[in-house]
Amino acid sequence: MKEPIDAIGKACPIPFMLAKKEIDANNTLFTILVDNKGAVENLKRLATATHYTHSVEPKGLLILVTLTNNEEDGTIEKNEINEHKHRIKEENSSIISRNTPQQWTLFIGKETMGDGEKELGKNLLRMHLYTIDATNDLPATIICMNSGVQVATTDQQSITTLKSLQNKGVSIIVCGTCLDYYHLLDELKVGEIGNMYDITKILTSSPKVISI
């Protein structure tokens, strides 16, 4: 096996993209060295989505993630692998192309709605999410970035609403780099950690994006 891929100090989505490059090249066993939990979570999600197994090994302040695909040793049949990858691809595409009214994406880039008094802005955002939850026109995806990650970590009222939306099928994606910056990686209460690759793909593919 090759030396570990050095992703130390590399911001999202570089570790994810380095691992994806190995997978696209049909490398069935490789390791990648990272230094933050956000990168680990993104690599674990990538492994699951591509039918790789993964292991996580602390190395002091660093973390070694190993990704393995057992296709070659016969553990998993080749046609099953291909079928699984095809299904995952369809599921990823369905985030923004499903045949339902849920075609739009809500982008939350800060913890307030609008400018002005901060507490008023927080209350407006809470009410906005509550109103969306009470309607039939739900978004396919809600993306939380920058200080907007606080609605999924520290704002209990918004967390309750987001959980309700998630239970209704809305995908909640929370920026891992932003969580790390605000030291909130361990405080995530709803949704899943995403990286810039995921977020860019959703934003560029969505027929309608509403930013608040």
N, C-alpha and C. Protein backbone atom coordinates (compact mmCIF):
# COMPACT_ATOMS: atom_id res chain seq x y z
N MET A 1 0.84 -1.20 0.00
CA MET A 1 0.00 0.00 0.00
C MET A 1 0.87 1.25 0.00
N LYS A 2 0.45 2.24 -0.70
CA LYS A 2 1.19 3.48 -0.81
C LYS A 2 1.25 4.21 0.54
N GLU A 3 2.13 5.17 0.61
CA GLU A 3 2.19 6.04 1.78
C GLU A 3 0.85 6.78 1.93
N PRO A 4 0.48 7.14 3.16
CA PRO A 4 -0.78 7.88 3.35
C PRO A 4 -0.81 9.18 2.55
N ILE A 5 -1.96 9.50 2.06
CA ILE A 5 -2.16 10.78 1.37
C ILE A 5 -2.13 11.87 2.43
N ASP A 6 -1.31 12.87 2.22
CA ASP A 6 -1.15 13.95 3.20
C ASP A 6 -2.21 15.03 2.97
N ALA A 7 -3.21 15.06 3.85
CA ALA A 7 -4.23 16.10 3.77
C ALA A 7 -4.21 16.95 5.03
N ILE A 8 -3.08 16.97 5.71
CA ILE A 8 -2.95 17.74 6.95
C ILE A 8 -3.01 19.24 6.64
N GLY A 9 -3.87 19.94 7.37
CA GLY A 9 -3.98 21.38 7.19
C GLY A 9 -4.71 21.82 5.95
N LYS A 10 -5.25 20.86 5.20
CA LYS A 10 -5.95 21.19 3.96
C LYS A 10 -7.43 21.41 4.25
N ALA A 11 -7.94 22.53 3.78
CA ALA A 11 -9.33 22.90 4.05
C ALA A 11 -10.29 22.09 3.21
N CYS A 12 -11.51 21.98 3.70
CA CYS A 12 -12.60 21.35 2.95
C CYS A 12 -12.78 22.07 1.61
N PRO A 13 -13.01 21.36 0.48
CA PRO A 13 -13.22 19.92 0.41
C PRO A 13 -11.99 19.14 -0.08
N ILE A 14 -10.77 19.65 0.16
CA ILE A 14 -9.58 19.04 -0.42
C ILE A 14 -9.40 17.58 0.03
N PRO A 15 -9.51 17.25 1.34
CA PRO A 15 -9.37 15.83 1.71
C PRO A 15 -10.39 14.94 1.01
N PHE A 16 -11.62 15.40 0.94
CA PHE A 16 -12.68 14.67 0.25
C PHE A 16 -12.31 14.44 -1.22
N MET A 17 -11.84 15.49 -1.90
CA MET A 17 -11.52 15.39 -3.31
C MET A 17 -10.30 14.50 -3.56
N LEU A 18 -9.32 14.53 -2.64
CA LEU A 18 -8.16 13.66 -2.78
C LEU A 18 -8.57 12.19 -2.68
N ALA A 19 -9.49 11.91 -1.74
CA ALA A 19 -9.97 10.53 -1.60
C ALA A 19 -10.82 10.13 -2.80
N LYS A 20 -11.64 11.03 -3.28
CA LYS A 20 -12.50 10.74 -4.43
C LYS A 20 -11.65 10.43 -5.66
N LYS A 21 -10.52 11.13 -5.79
CA LYS A 21 -9.62 10.88 -6.93
C LYS A 21 -9.10 9.44 -6.89
N GLU A 22 -8.78 8.96 -5.69
CA GLU A 22 -8.30 7.58 -5.55
C GLU A 22 -9.40 6.59 -5.90
N ILE A 23 -10.61 6.87 -5.45
CA ILE A 23 -11.75 5.98 -5.74
C ILE A 23 -12.04 5.97 -7.23
N ASP A 24 -12.03 7.15 -7.86
CA ASP A 24 -12.28 7.24 -9.30
C ASP A 24 -11.22 6.48 -10.10
N ALA A 25 -10.03 6.37 -9.52
CA ALA A 25 -8.93 5.64 -10.18
C ALA A 25 -8.97 4.15 -9.85
N ASN A 26 -10.05 3.72 -9.17
CA ASN A 26 -10.25 2.31 -8.80
C ASN A 26 -9.17 1.79 -7.85
N ASN A 27 -8.63 2.67 -7.03
CA ASN A 27 -7.69 2.25 -5.99
C ASN A 27 -8.51 1.64 -4.86
N THR A 28 -8.32 0.35 -4.60
CA THR A 28 -9.19 -0.37 -3.65
C THR A 28 -8.71 -0.30 -2.21
N LEU A 29 -7.53 0.25 -1.98
CA LEU A 29 -7.03 0.37 -0.61
C LEU A 29 -6.09 1.56 -0.52
N PHE A 30 -6.44 2.53 0.31
CA PHE A 30 -5.57 3.67 0.49
C PHE A 30 -5.86 4.31 1.84
N THR A 31 -4.92 5.11 2.31
CA THR A 31 -5.09 5.82 3.57
C THR A 31 -4.91 7.31 3.33
N ILE A 32 -5.51 8.10 4.19
CA ILE A 32 -5.41 9.54 4.09
C ILE A 32 -5.28 10.12 5.50
N LEU A 33 -4.33 11.01 5.68
CA LEU A 33 -4.02 11.58 6.98
C LEU A 33 -4.62 12.98 7.07
N VAL A 34 -5.48 13.19 8.07
CA VAL A 34 -6.16 14.48 8.24
C VAL A 34 -5.97 14.96 9.68
N ASP A 35 -6.44 16.18 9.93
CA ASP A 35 -6.23 16.74 11.27
C ASP A 35 -7.48 17.35 11.87
N ASN A 36 -8.66 16.99 11.33
CA ASN A 36 -9.89 17.53 11.92
C ASN A 36 -11.06 16.57 11.73
N LYS A 37 -12.01 16.62 12.65
CA LYS A 37 -13.14 15.70 12.65
C LYS A 37 -14.05 15.90 11.44
N GLY A 38 -14.14 17.15 10.96
CA GLY A 38 -14.98 17.41 9.80
C GLY A 38 -14.53 16.62 8.59
N ALA A 39 -13.21 16.57 8.37
CA ALA A 39 -12.66 15.81 7.24
C ALA A 39 -12.95 14.32 7.42
N VAL A 40 -12.84 13.84 8.66
CA VAL A 40 -13.11 12.43 8.93
C VAL A 40 -14.56 12.08 8.59
N GLU A 41 -15.50 12.92 9.01
CA GLU A 41 -16.91 12.65 8.74
C GLU A 41 -17.21 12.64 7.25
N ASN A 42 -16.59 13.56 6.52
CA ASN A 42 -16.79 13.61 5.07
C ASN A 42 -16.20 12.36 4.39
N LEU A 43 -15.06 11.90 4.86
CA LEU A 43 -14.44 10.70 4.29
C LEU A 43 -15.28 9.47 4.60
N LYS A 44 -15.86 9.40 5.78
CA LYS A 44 -16.72 8.27 6.14
C LYS A 44 -17.96 8.25 5.26
N ARG A 45 -18.53 9.42 5.01
CA ARG A 45 -19.71 9.51 4.15
C ARG A 45 -19.35 9.10 2.72
N LEU A 46 -18.19 9.54 2.24
CA LEU A 46 -17.74 9.16 0.90
C LEU A 46 -17.56 7.65 0.80
N ALA A 47 -16.97 7.06 1.82
CA ALA A 47 -16.75 5.61 1.83
C ALA A 47 -18.08 4.87 1.75
N THR A 48 -19.02 5.27 2.56
CA THR A 48 -20.34 4.62 2.57
C THR A 48 -21.02 4.75 1.21
N ALA A 49 -20.93 5.94 0.62
CA ALA A 49 -21.61 6.19 -0.65
C ALA A 49 -21.01 5.40 -1.81
N THR A 50 -19.74 5.02 -1.69
CA THR A 50 -19.06 4.32 -2.79
C THR A 50 -18.78 2.86 -2.47
N HIS A 51 -19.40 2.36 -1.42
CA HIS A 51 -19.29 0.95 -1.03
C HIS A 51 -17.89 0.57 -0.59
N TYR A 52 -17.17 1.52 -0.02
CA TYR A 52 -15.90 1.24 0.62
C TYR A 52 -16.14 1.06 2.12
N THR A 53 -15.32 0.23 2.75
CA THR A 53 -15.31 0.20 4.20
C THR A 53 -14.28 1.21 4.68
N HIS A 54 -14.41 1.63 5.94
CA HIS A 54 -13.47 2.62 6.44
C HIS A 54 -13.07 2.29 7.88
N SER A 55 -11.89 2.71 8.25
CA SER A 55 -11.44 2.62 9.64
C SER A 55 -10.76 3.92 9.99
N VAL A 56 -10.88 4.30 11.26
CA VAL A 56 -10.33 5.57 11.73
C VAL A 56 -9.37 5.29 12.88
N GLU A 57 -8.13 5.77 12.74
CA GLU A 57 -7.10 5.50 13.75
C GLU A 57 -6.44 6.81 14.18
N PRO A 58 -6.61 7.19 15.46
CA PRO A 58 -5.93 8.41 15.94
C PRO A 58 -4.42 8.25 15.90
N LYS A 59 -3.75 9.30 15.49
CA LYS A 59 -2.29 9.33 15.44
C LYS A 59 -1.82 10.61 16.13
N GLY A 60 -1.91 10.62 17.45
CA GLY A 60 -1.60 11.84 18.18
C GLY A 60 -2.67 12.89 17.90
N LEU A 61 -2.23 14.02 17.36
CA LEU A 61 -3.18 15.08 17.00
C LEU A 61 -3.76 14.86 15.61
N LEU A 62 -3.27 13.84 14.91
CA LEU A 62 -3.73 13.56 13.56
C LEU A 62 -4.65 12.34 13.56
N ILE A 63 -5.30 12.11 12.43
CA ILE A 63 -6.23 10.99 12.28
C ILE A 63 -5.94 10.31 10.95
N LEU A 64 -5.72 9.00 10.99
CA LEU A 64 -5.47 8.22 9.78
C LEU A 64 -6.76 7.49 9.40
N VAL A 65 -7.25 7.77 8.22
CA VAL A 65 -8.48 7.13 7.73
C VAL A 65 -8.09 6.17 6.61
N THR A 66 -8.52 4.92 6.74
CA THR A 66 -8.26 3.91 5.73
C THR A 66 -9.54 3.55 5.01
N LEU A 67 -9.52 3.57 3.68
CA LEU A 67 -10.67 3.20 2.87
C LEU A 67 -10.32 1.95 2.07
N THR A 68 -11.23 0.98 2.12
CA THR A 68 -10.99 -0.31 1.47
C THR A 68 -12.20 -0.73 0.68
N ASN A 69 -11.96 -1.21 -0.54
CA ASN A 69 -13.01 -1.80 -1.36
C ASN A 69 -12.67 -3.26 -1.56
N ASN A 70 -13.56 -4.16 -1.12
CA ASN A 70 -13.29 -5.60 -1.16
C ASN A 70 -13.70 -6.26 -2.47
N GLU A 71 -13.96 -5.49 -3.48
CA GLU A 71 -14.43 -6.05 -4.75
C GLU A 71 -13.47 -7.10 -5.31
N GLU A 72 -12.17 -6.82 -5.23
CA GLU A 72 -11.21 -7.71 -5.88
C GLU A 72 -11.04 -9.05 -5.16
N ASP A 73 -11.30 -9.09 -3.81
CA ASP A 73 -11.08 -10.35 -3.12
C ASP A 73 -12.32 -11.22 -3.08
N GLY A 74 -13.36 -10.80 -3.81
CA GLY A 74 -14.54 -11.64 -3.94
C GLY A 74 -15.55 -11.47 -2.83
N THR A 75 -15.26 -10.62 -1.87
CA THR A 75 -16.20 -10.44 -0.76
C THR A 75 -17.52 -9.88 -1.25
N ILE A 76 -17.43 -8.99 -2.23
CA ILE A 76 -18.63 -8.37 -2.78
C ILE A 76 -18.63 -8.60 -4.28
N GLU A 77 -19.71 -9.11 -4.81
CA GLU A 77 -19.79 -9.39 -6.23
C GLU A 77 -19.72 -8.10 -7.04
N LYS A 78 -19.06 -8.17 -8.20
CA LYS A 78 -18.86 -6.99 -9.03
C LYS A 78 -20.18 -6.38 -9.46
N ASN A 79 -21.14 -7.20 -9.86
CA ASN A 79 -22.41 -6.63 -10.30
C ASN A 79 -23.15 -5.97 -9.15
N GLU A 80 -22.95 -6.47 -7.93
CA GLU A 80 -23.57 -5.83 -6.78
C GLU A 80 -22.96 -4.47 -6.53
N ILE A 81 -21.62 -4.38 -6.69
CA ILE A 81 -20.93 -3.11 -6.53
C ILE A 81 -21.45 -2.09 -7.53
N ASN A 82 -21.53 -2.51 -8.81
CA ASN A 82 -21.98 -1.59 -9.85
C ASN A 82 -23.42 -1.15 -9.61
N GLU A 83 -24.24 -2.10 -9.18
CA GLU A 83 -25.63 -1.76 -8.90
C GLU A 83 -25.73 -0.78 -7.75
N HIS A 84 -24.91 -1.01 -6.72
CA HIS A 84 -24.93 -0.12 -5.56
C HIS A 84 -24.48 1.29 -5.95
N LYS A 85 -23.37 1.37 -6.73
CA LYS A 85 -22.87 2.68 -7.13
C LYS A 85 -23.90 3.42 -7.98
N HIS A 86 -24.59 2.67 -8.86
CA HIS A 86 -25.61 3.29 -9.69
C HIS A 86 -26.75 3.81 -8.83
N ARG A 87 -27.13 3.01 -7.82
CA ARG A 87 -28.22 3.43 -6.95
C ARG A 87 -27.84 4.67 -6.14
N ILE A 88 -26.59 4.70 -5.63
CA ILE A 88 -26.12 5.86 -4.88
C ILE A 88 -26.12 7.10 -5.76
N LYS A 89 -25.67 6.94 -7.01
CA LYS A 89 -25.65 8.08 -7.93
C LYS A 89 -27.05 8.62 -8.15
N GLU A 90 -28.02 7.70 -8.30
CA GLU A 90 -29.40 8.13 -8.50
C GLU A 90 -29.93 8.82 -7.24
N GLU A 91 -29.57 8.30 -6.07
CA GLU A 91 -30.05 8.89 -4.82
C GLU A 91 -29.47 10.29 -4.64
N ASN A 92 -28.18 10.46 -4.98
CA ASN A 92 -27.57 11.78 -4.87
C ASN A 92 -28.23 12.78 -5.82
N SER A 93 -28.53 12.31 -7.02
CA SER A 93 -29.17 13.18 -8.00
C SER A 93 -30.58 13.55 -7.56
N SER A 94 -31.22 12.64 -6.85
CA SER A 94 -32.62 12.88 -6.47
C SER A 94 -32.76 13.99 -5.45
N ILE A 95 -31.64 14.39 -4.82
CA ILE A 95 -31.72 15.48 -3.85
C ILE A 95 -32.33 16.71 -4.50
N ILE A 96 -31.98 16.92 -5.78
CA ILE A 96 -32.47 18.14 -6.43
C ILE A 96 -33.33 17.84 -7.67
N SER A 97 -33.50 16.57 -8.04
CA SER A 97 -34.25 16.28 -9.25
C SER A 97 -35.41 15.32 -9.02
N ARG A 98 -35.79 15.10 -7.75
CA ARG A 98 -36.86 14.16 -7.47
C ARG A 98 -38.18 14.64 -8.09
N ASN A 99 -39.03 13.72 -8.45
CA ASN A 99 -40.30 14.06 -9.08
C ASN A 99 -41.36 14.41 -8.04
N THR A 100 -41.08 15.43 -7.25
CA THR A 100 -42.02 15.93 -6.25
C THR A 100 -41.97 17.44 -6.32
N PRO A 101 -42.88 18.14 -5.61
CA PRO A 101 -42.82 19.60 -5.61
C PRO A 101 -41.57 20.14 -4.92
N GLN A 102 -40.82 19.28 -4.21
CA GLN A 102 -39.67 19.74 -3.45
C GLN A 102 -38.46 19.92 -4.37
N GLN A 103 -38.40 21.03 -5.07
CA GLN A 103 -37.35 21.25 -6.05
C GLN A 103 -36.38 22.34 -5.64
N TRP A 104 -36.69 23.07 -4.60
CA TRP A 104 -35.86 24.24 -4.31
C TRP A 104 -34.93 24.00 -3.12
N THR A 105 -33.92 24.86 -3.02
CA THR A 105 -32.93 24.77 -1.96
C THR A 105 -32.94 26.05 -1.14
N LEU A 106 -32.90 25.90 0.18
CA LEU A 106 -32.81 27.04 1.09
C LEU A 106 -31.38 27.15 1.58
N PHE A 107 -30.76 28.29 1.35
CA PHE A 107 -29.37 28.53 1.76
C PHE A 107 -29.36 29.49 2.94
N ILE A 108 -28.89 29.01 4.09
CA ILE A 108 -28.81 29.84 5.30
C ILE A 108 -27.34 30.18 5.53
N GLY A 109 -26.97 31.42 5.26
CA GLY A 109 -25.57 31.82 5.35
C GLY A 109 -25.20 32.61 6.59
N LYS A 110 -26.17 32.82 7.48
CA LYS A 110 -25.89 33.51 8.74
C LYS A 110 -26.97 33.16 9.75
N GLU A 111 -26.74 33.49 11.01
CA GLU A 111 -27.67 33.07 12.06
C GLU A 111 -28.87 34.01 12.20
N THR A 112 -28.92 35.05 11.35
CA THR A 112 -30.04 35.98 11.38
C THR A 112 -30.68 36.08 10.00
N MET A 113 -31.89 36.60 9.99
CA MET A 113 -32.57 36.88 8.72
C MET A 113 -32.59 38.39 8.53
N GLY A 114 -31.90 38.84 7.50
CA GLY A 114 -31.80 40.27 7.27
C GLY A 114 -30.75 40.92 8.16
N ASP A 115 -30.61 42.24 8.04
CA ASP A 115 -29.66 43.01 8.84
C ASP A 115 -30.41 43.83 9.88
N GLY A 116 -29.66 44.41 10.81
CA GLY A 116 -30.28 45.19 11.88
C GLY A 116 -30.03 44.54 13.22
N GLU A 117 -31.00 44.64 14.13
CA GLU A 117 -30.84 44.06 15.46
C GLU A 117 -30.67 42.55 15.38
N LYS A 118 -29.61 42.05 16.01
CA LYS A 118 -29.27 40.64 15.90
C LYS A 118 -30.36 39.74 16.47
N GLU A 119 -30.89 40.08 17.64
CA GLU A 119 -31.90 39.22 18.26
C GLU A 119 -33.18 39.19 17.43
N LEU A 120 -33.53 40.33 16.84
CA LEU A 120 -34.69 40.37 15.94
C LEU A 120 -34.44 39.46 14.75
N GLY A 121 -33.23 39.54 14.17
CA GLY A 121 -32.90 38.72 13.02
C GLY A 121 -32.96 37.24 13.34
N LYS A 122 -32.52 36.85 14.54
CA LYS A 122 -32.60 35.45 14.95
C LYS A 122 -34.05 34.99 15.06
N ASN A 123 -34.88 35.86 15.65
CA ASN A 123 -36.30 35.50 15.78
C ASN A 123 -36.99 35.40 14.42
N LEU A 124 -36.62 36.27 13.50
CA LEU A 124 -37.21 36.23 12.15
C LEU A 124 -36.83 34.92 11.45
N LEU A 125 -35.57 34.50 11.62
CA LEU A 125 -35.14 33.25 11.00
C LEU A 125 -35.87 32.06 11.61
N ARG A 126 -36.04 32.07 12.93
CA ARG A 126 -36.80 30.99 13.59
C ARG A 126 -38.22 30.92 13.04
N MET A 127 -38.84 32.09 12.91
CA MET A 127 -40.23 32.13 12.42
C MET A 127 -40.31 31.71 10.96
N HIS A 128 -39.28 32.07 10.19
CA HIS A 128 -39.27 31.69 8.78
C HIS A 128 -39.20 30.17 8.63
N LEU A 129 -38.32 29.54 9.39
CA LEU A 129 -38.21 28.08 9.33
C LEU A 129 -39.50 27.42 9.81
N TYR A 130 -40.08 27.98 10.87
CA TYR A 130 -41.34 27.43 11.39
C TYR A 130 -42.45 27.53 10.34
N THR A 131 -42.48 28.65 9.63
CA THR A 131 -43.51 28.85 8.60
C THR A 131 -43.33 27.86 7.46
N ILE A 132 -42.07 27.65 7.04
CA ILE A 132 -41.80 26.67 5.98
C ILE A 132 -42.28 25.29 6.42
N ASP A 133 -42.00 24.93 7.66
CA ASP A 133 -42.38 23.62 8.18
C ASP A 133 -43.90 23.43 8.19
N ALA A 134 -44.61 24.53 8.31
CA ALA A 134 -46.07 24.46 8.40
C ALA A 134 -46.75 24.44 7.03
N THR A 135 -45.96 24.59 5.95
CA THR A 135 -46.54 24.62 4.61
C THR A 135 -46.32 23.28 3.90
N ASN A 136 -46.89 23.16 2.72
CA ASN A 136 -46.69 21.96 1.89
C ASN A 136 -45.56 22.15 0.88
N ASP A 137 -45.08 23.38 0.73
CA ASP A 137 -44.03 23.66 -0.24
C ASP A 137 -42.67 23.60 0.46
N LEU A 138 -42.21 22.38 0.71
CA LEU A 138 -40.96 22.21 1.43
C LEU A 138 -39.78 22.20 0.47
N PRO A 139 -38.62 22.68 0.94
CA PRO A 139 -37.42 22.59 0.09
C PRO A 139 -36.92 21.16 0.03
N ALA A 140 -36.16 20.84 -0.99
CA ALA A 140 -35.51 19.53 -1.05
C ALA A 140 -34.33 19.51 -0.08
N THR A 141 -33.64 20.66 0.02
CA THR A 141 -32.41 20.72 0.81
C THR A 141 -32.32 22.05 1.53
N ILE A 142 -31.82 22.02 2.76
CA ILE A 142 -31.45 23.23 3.48
C ILE A 142 -29.95 23.16 3.74
N ILE A 143 -29.23 24.19 3.32
CA ILE A 143 -27.78 24.26 3.50
C ILE A 143 -27.46 25.33 4.54
N CYS A 144 -26.67 24.98 5.53
CA CYS A 144 -26.25 25.93 6.56
C CYS A 144 -24.75 26.17 6.44
N MET A 145 -24.37 27.43 6.26
CA MET A 145 -22.96 27.79 6.12
C MET A 145 -22.64 29.00 6.96
N ASN A 146 -21.33 29.25 7.12
CA ASN A 146 -20.83 30.37 7.91
C ASN A 146 -21.53 30.37 9.28
N SER A 147 -21.94 31.52 9.80
CA SER A 147 -22.58 31.51 11.12
C SER A 147 -23.97 30.89 11.08
N GLY A 148 -24.46 30.59 9.87
CA GLY A 148 -25.74 29.91 9.75
C GLY A 148 -25.73 28.51 10.34
N VAL A 149 -24.54 27.94 10.58
CA VAL A 149 -24.48 26.60 11.19
C VAL A 149 -25.03 26.62 12.62
N GLN A 150 -25.15 27.80 13.20
CA GLN A 150 -25.66 27.90 14.57
C GLN A 150 -27.11 27.44 14.68
N VAL A 151 -27.87 27.54 13.59
CA VAL A 151 -29.27 27.10 13.66
C VAL A 151 -29.38 25.59 13.83
N ALA A 152 -28.31 24.87 13.50
CA ALA A 152 -28.32 23.41 13.63
C ALA A 152 -27.50 22.94 14.83
N THR A 153 -26.99 23.89 15.62
CA THR A 153 -26.10 23.50 16.73
C THR A 153 -26.49 24.13 18.07
N THR A 154 -26.78 25.41 18.09
CA THR A 154 -26.96 26.10 19.37
C THR A 154 -28.34 26.72 19.56
N ASP A 155 -29.12 26.84 18.50
CA ASP A 155 -30.45 27.47 18.59
C ASP A 155 -31.52 26.38 18.71
N GLN A 156 -31.98 26.14 19.94
CA GLN A 156 -32.85 25.00 20.19
C GLN A 156 -34.16 25.08 19.41
N GLN A 157 -34.72 26.27 19.28
CA GLN A 157 -35.99 26.40 18.57
C GLN A 157 -35.82 26.04 17.09
N SER A 158 -34.75 26.53 16.49
CA SER A 158 -34.49 26.21 15.09
C SER A 158 -34.15 24.73 14.93
N ILE A 159 -33.43 24.16 15.88
CA ILE A 159 -33.09 22.74 15.83
C ILE A 159 -34.35 21.89 15.81
N THR A 160 -35.32 22.24 16.67
CA THR A 160 -36.59 21.49 16.71
C THR A 160 -37.30 21.54 15.36
N THR A 161 -37.31 22.73 14.76
CA THR A 161 -37.98 22.89 13.46
C THR A 161 -37.24 22.12 12.38
N LEU A 162 -35.91 22.20 12.38
CA LEU A 162 -35.13 21.49 11.37
C LEU A 162 -35.30 19.97 11.51
N LYS A 163 -35.42 19.48 12.72
CA LYS A 163 -35.66 18.04 12.91
C LYS A 163 -37.01 17.64 12.32
N SER A 164 -38.01 18.51 12.50
CA SER A 164 -39.32 18.24 11.92
C SER A 164 -39.23 18.21 10.40
N LEU A 165 -38.51 19.16 9.82
CA LEU A 165 -38.34 19.20 8.37
C LEU A 165 -37.57 17.97 7.87
N GLN A 166 -36.55 17.58 8.61
CA GLN A 166 -35.78 16.41 8.24
C GLN A 166 -36.65 15.15 8.26
N ASN A 167 -37.52 15.05 9.25
CA ASN A 167 -38.43 13.90 9.33
C ASN A 167 -39.41 13.86 8.16
N LYS A 168 -39.63 15.02 7.53
CA LYS A 168 -40.52 15.11 6.37
C LYS A 168 -39.77 14.87 5.06
N GLY A 169 -38.48 14.57 5.15
CA GLY A 169 -37.72 14.26 3.95
C GLY A 169 -36.79 15.34 3.45
N VAL A 170 -36.72 16.47 4.16
CA VAL A 170 -35.83 17.55 3.76
C VAL A 170 -34.39 17.19 4.17
N SER A 171 -33.46 17.32 3.26
CA SER A 171 -32.05 17.05 3.54
C SER A 171 -31.41 18.29 4.16
N ILE A 172 -30.79 18.13 5.33
CA ILE A 172 -30.13 19.23 6.01
C ILE A 172 -28.62 19.03 5.89
N ILE A 173 -27.94 19.94 5.20
CA ILE A 173 -26.50 19.85 5.00
C ILE A 173 -25.83 21.00 5.75
N VAL A 174 -24.88 20.66 6.62
CA VAL A 174 -24.21 21.67 7.45
C VAL A 174 -22.72 21.68 7.12
N CYS A 175 -22.21 22.84 6.80
CA CYS A 175 -20.81 22.99 6.36
C CYS A 175 -19.83 22.56 7.45
N GLY A 176 -19.00 21.55 7.14
CA GLY A 176 -18.04 21.05 8.11
C GLY A 176 -16.94 22.05 8.44
N THR A 177 -16.46 22.77 7.42
CA THR A 177 -15.43 23.79 7.66
C THR A 177 -15.94 24.88 8.60
N CYS A 178 -17.20 25.26 8.42
CA CYS A 178 -17.80 26.31 9.25
C CYS A 178 -17.97 25.82 10.69
N LEU A 179 -18.41 24.57 10.85
CA LEU A 179 -18.54 23.99 12.19
C LEU A 179 -17.18 23.99 12.90
N ASP A 180 -16.15 23.61 12.15
CA ASP A 180 -14.81 23.58 12.72
C ASP A 180 -14.35 24.98 13.11
N TYR A 181 -14.61 25.94 12.27
CA TYR A 181 -14.19 27.33 12.53
C TYR A 181 -14.82 27.87 13.81
N TYR A 182 -16.10 27.57 13.99
CA TYR A 182 -16.82 28.07 15.18
C TYR A 182 -16.73 27.09 16.36
N HIS A 183 -15.91 26.05 16.24
CA HIS A 183 -15.74 25.05 17.30
C HIS A 183 -17.07 24.41 17.69
N LEU A 184 -17.83 24.03 16.67
CA LEU A 184 -19.16 23.47 16.90
C LEU A 184 -19.32 22.06 16.32
N LEU A 185 -18.21 21.43 15.94
CA LEU A 185 -18.29 20.10 15.34
C LEU A 185 -18.99 19.09 16.25
N ASP A 186 -18.75 19.21 17.55
CA ASP A 186 -19.35 18.26 18.50
C ASP A 186 -20.74 18.69 18.95
N GLU A 187 -21.21 19.82 18.45
CA GLU A 187 -22.50 20.35 18.88
C GLU A 187 -23.62 20.15 17.85
N LEU A 188 -23.30 19.50 16.73
CA LEU A 188 -24.30 19.33 15.67
C LEU A 188 -25.46 18.49 16.18
N LYS A 189 -26.68 19.05 16.10
CA LYS A 189 -27.87 18.39 16.64
C LYS A 189 -28.79 17.84 15.55
N VAL A 190 -28.65 18.33 14.34
CA VAL A 190 -29.54 17.90 13.26
C VAL A 190 -28.81 18.04 11.94
N GLY A 191 -29.12 17.16 11.00
CA GLY A 191 -28.50 17.22 9.68
C GLY A 191 -27.21 16.44 9.62
N GLU A 192 -26.52 16.56 8.49
CA GLU A 192 -25.26 15.87 8.28
C GLU A 192 -24.20 16.85 7.81
N ILE A 193 -22.96 16.54 8.15
CA ILE A 193 -21.85 17.40 7.77
C ILE A 193 -21.59 17.27 6.28
N GLY A 194 -21.50 18.39 5.61
CA GLY A 194 -21.21 18.41 4.18
C GLY A 194 -19.95 19.20 3.91
N ASN A 195 -19.42 19.07 2.70
CA ASN A 195 -18.24 19.84 2.33
C ASN A 195 -18.56 20.70 1.12
N MET A 196 -17.58 21.49 0.70
CA MET A 196 -17.83 22.44 -0.38
C MET A 196 -18.17 21.73 -1.69
N TYR A 197 -17.64 20.54 -1.88
CA TYR A 197 -17.99 19.78 -3.10
C TYR A 197 -19.48 19.46 -3.11
N ASP A 198 -19.98 18.90 -1.98
CA ASP A 198 -21.40 18.58 -1.87
C ASP A 198 -22.26 19.82 -2.09
N ILE A 199 -21.90 20.87 -1.37
CA ILE A 199 -22.71 22.08 -1.37
C ILE A 199 -22.73 22.74 -2.74
N THR A 200 -21.56 22.82 -3.39
CA THR A 200 -21.50 23.42 -4.72
C THR A 200 -22.32 22.62 -5.72
N LYS A 201 -22.25 21.30 -5.63
CA LYS A 201 -23.01 20.44 -6.53
C LYS A 201 -24.51 20.67 -6.39
N ILE A 202 -24.97 20.78 -5.15
CA ILE A 202 -26.40 21.01 -4.90
C ILE A 202 -26.82 22.38 -5.41
N LEU A 203 -26.03 23.41 -5.09
CA LEU A 203 -26.38 24.77 -5.47
C LEU A 203 -26.41 24.95 -6.99
N THR A 204 -25.46 24.35 -7.69
CA THR A 204 -25.40 24.52 -9.14
C THR A 204 -26.43 23.66 -9.87
N SER A 205 -26.96 22.63 -9.20
CA SER A 205 -27.93 21.75 -9.82
C SER A 205 -29.38 22.10 -9.48
N SER A 206 -29.55 22.83 -8.40
CA SER A 206 -30.91 23.14 -7.97
C SER A 206 -31.56 24.16 -8.90
N PRO A 207 -32.81 23.91 -9.30
CA PRO A 207 -33.49 24.86 -10.20
C PRO A 207 -33.81 26.18 -9.52
N LYS A 208 -33.87 26.18 -8.19
CA LYS A 208 -34.16 27.43 -7.48
C LYS A 208 -33.47 27.42 -6.13
N VAL A 209 -32.71 28.49 -5.82
CA VAL A 209 -32.04 28.63 -4.53
C VAL A 209 -32.51 29.92 -3.89
N ILE A 210 -33.01 29.81 -2.67
CA ILE A 210 -33.40 30.99 -1.88
C ILE A 210 -32.37 31.18 -0.80
N SER A 211 -31.74 32.34 -0.79
CA SER A 211 -30.67 32.64 0.18
C SER A 211 -31.17 33.64 1.22
N ILE A 212 -30.93 33.32 2.50
CA ILE A 212 -31.32 34.25 3.57
C ILE A 212 -30.15 34.46 4.53
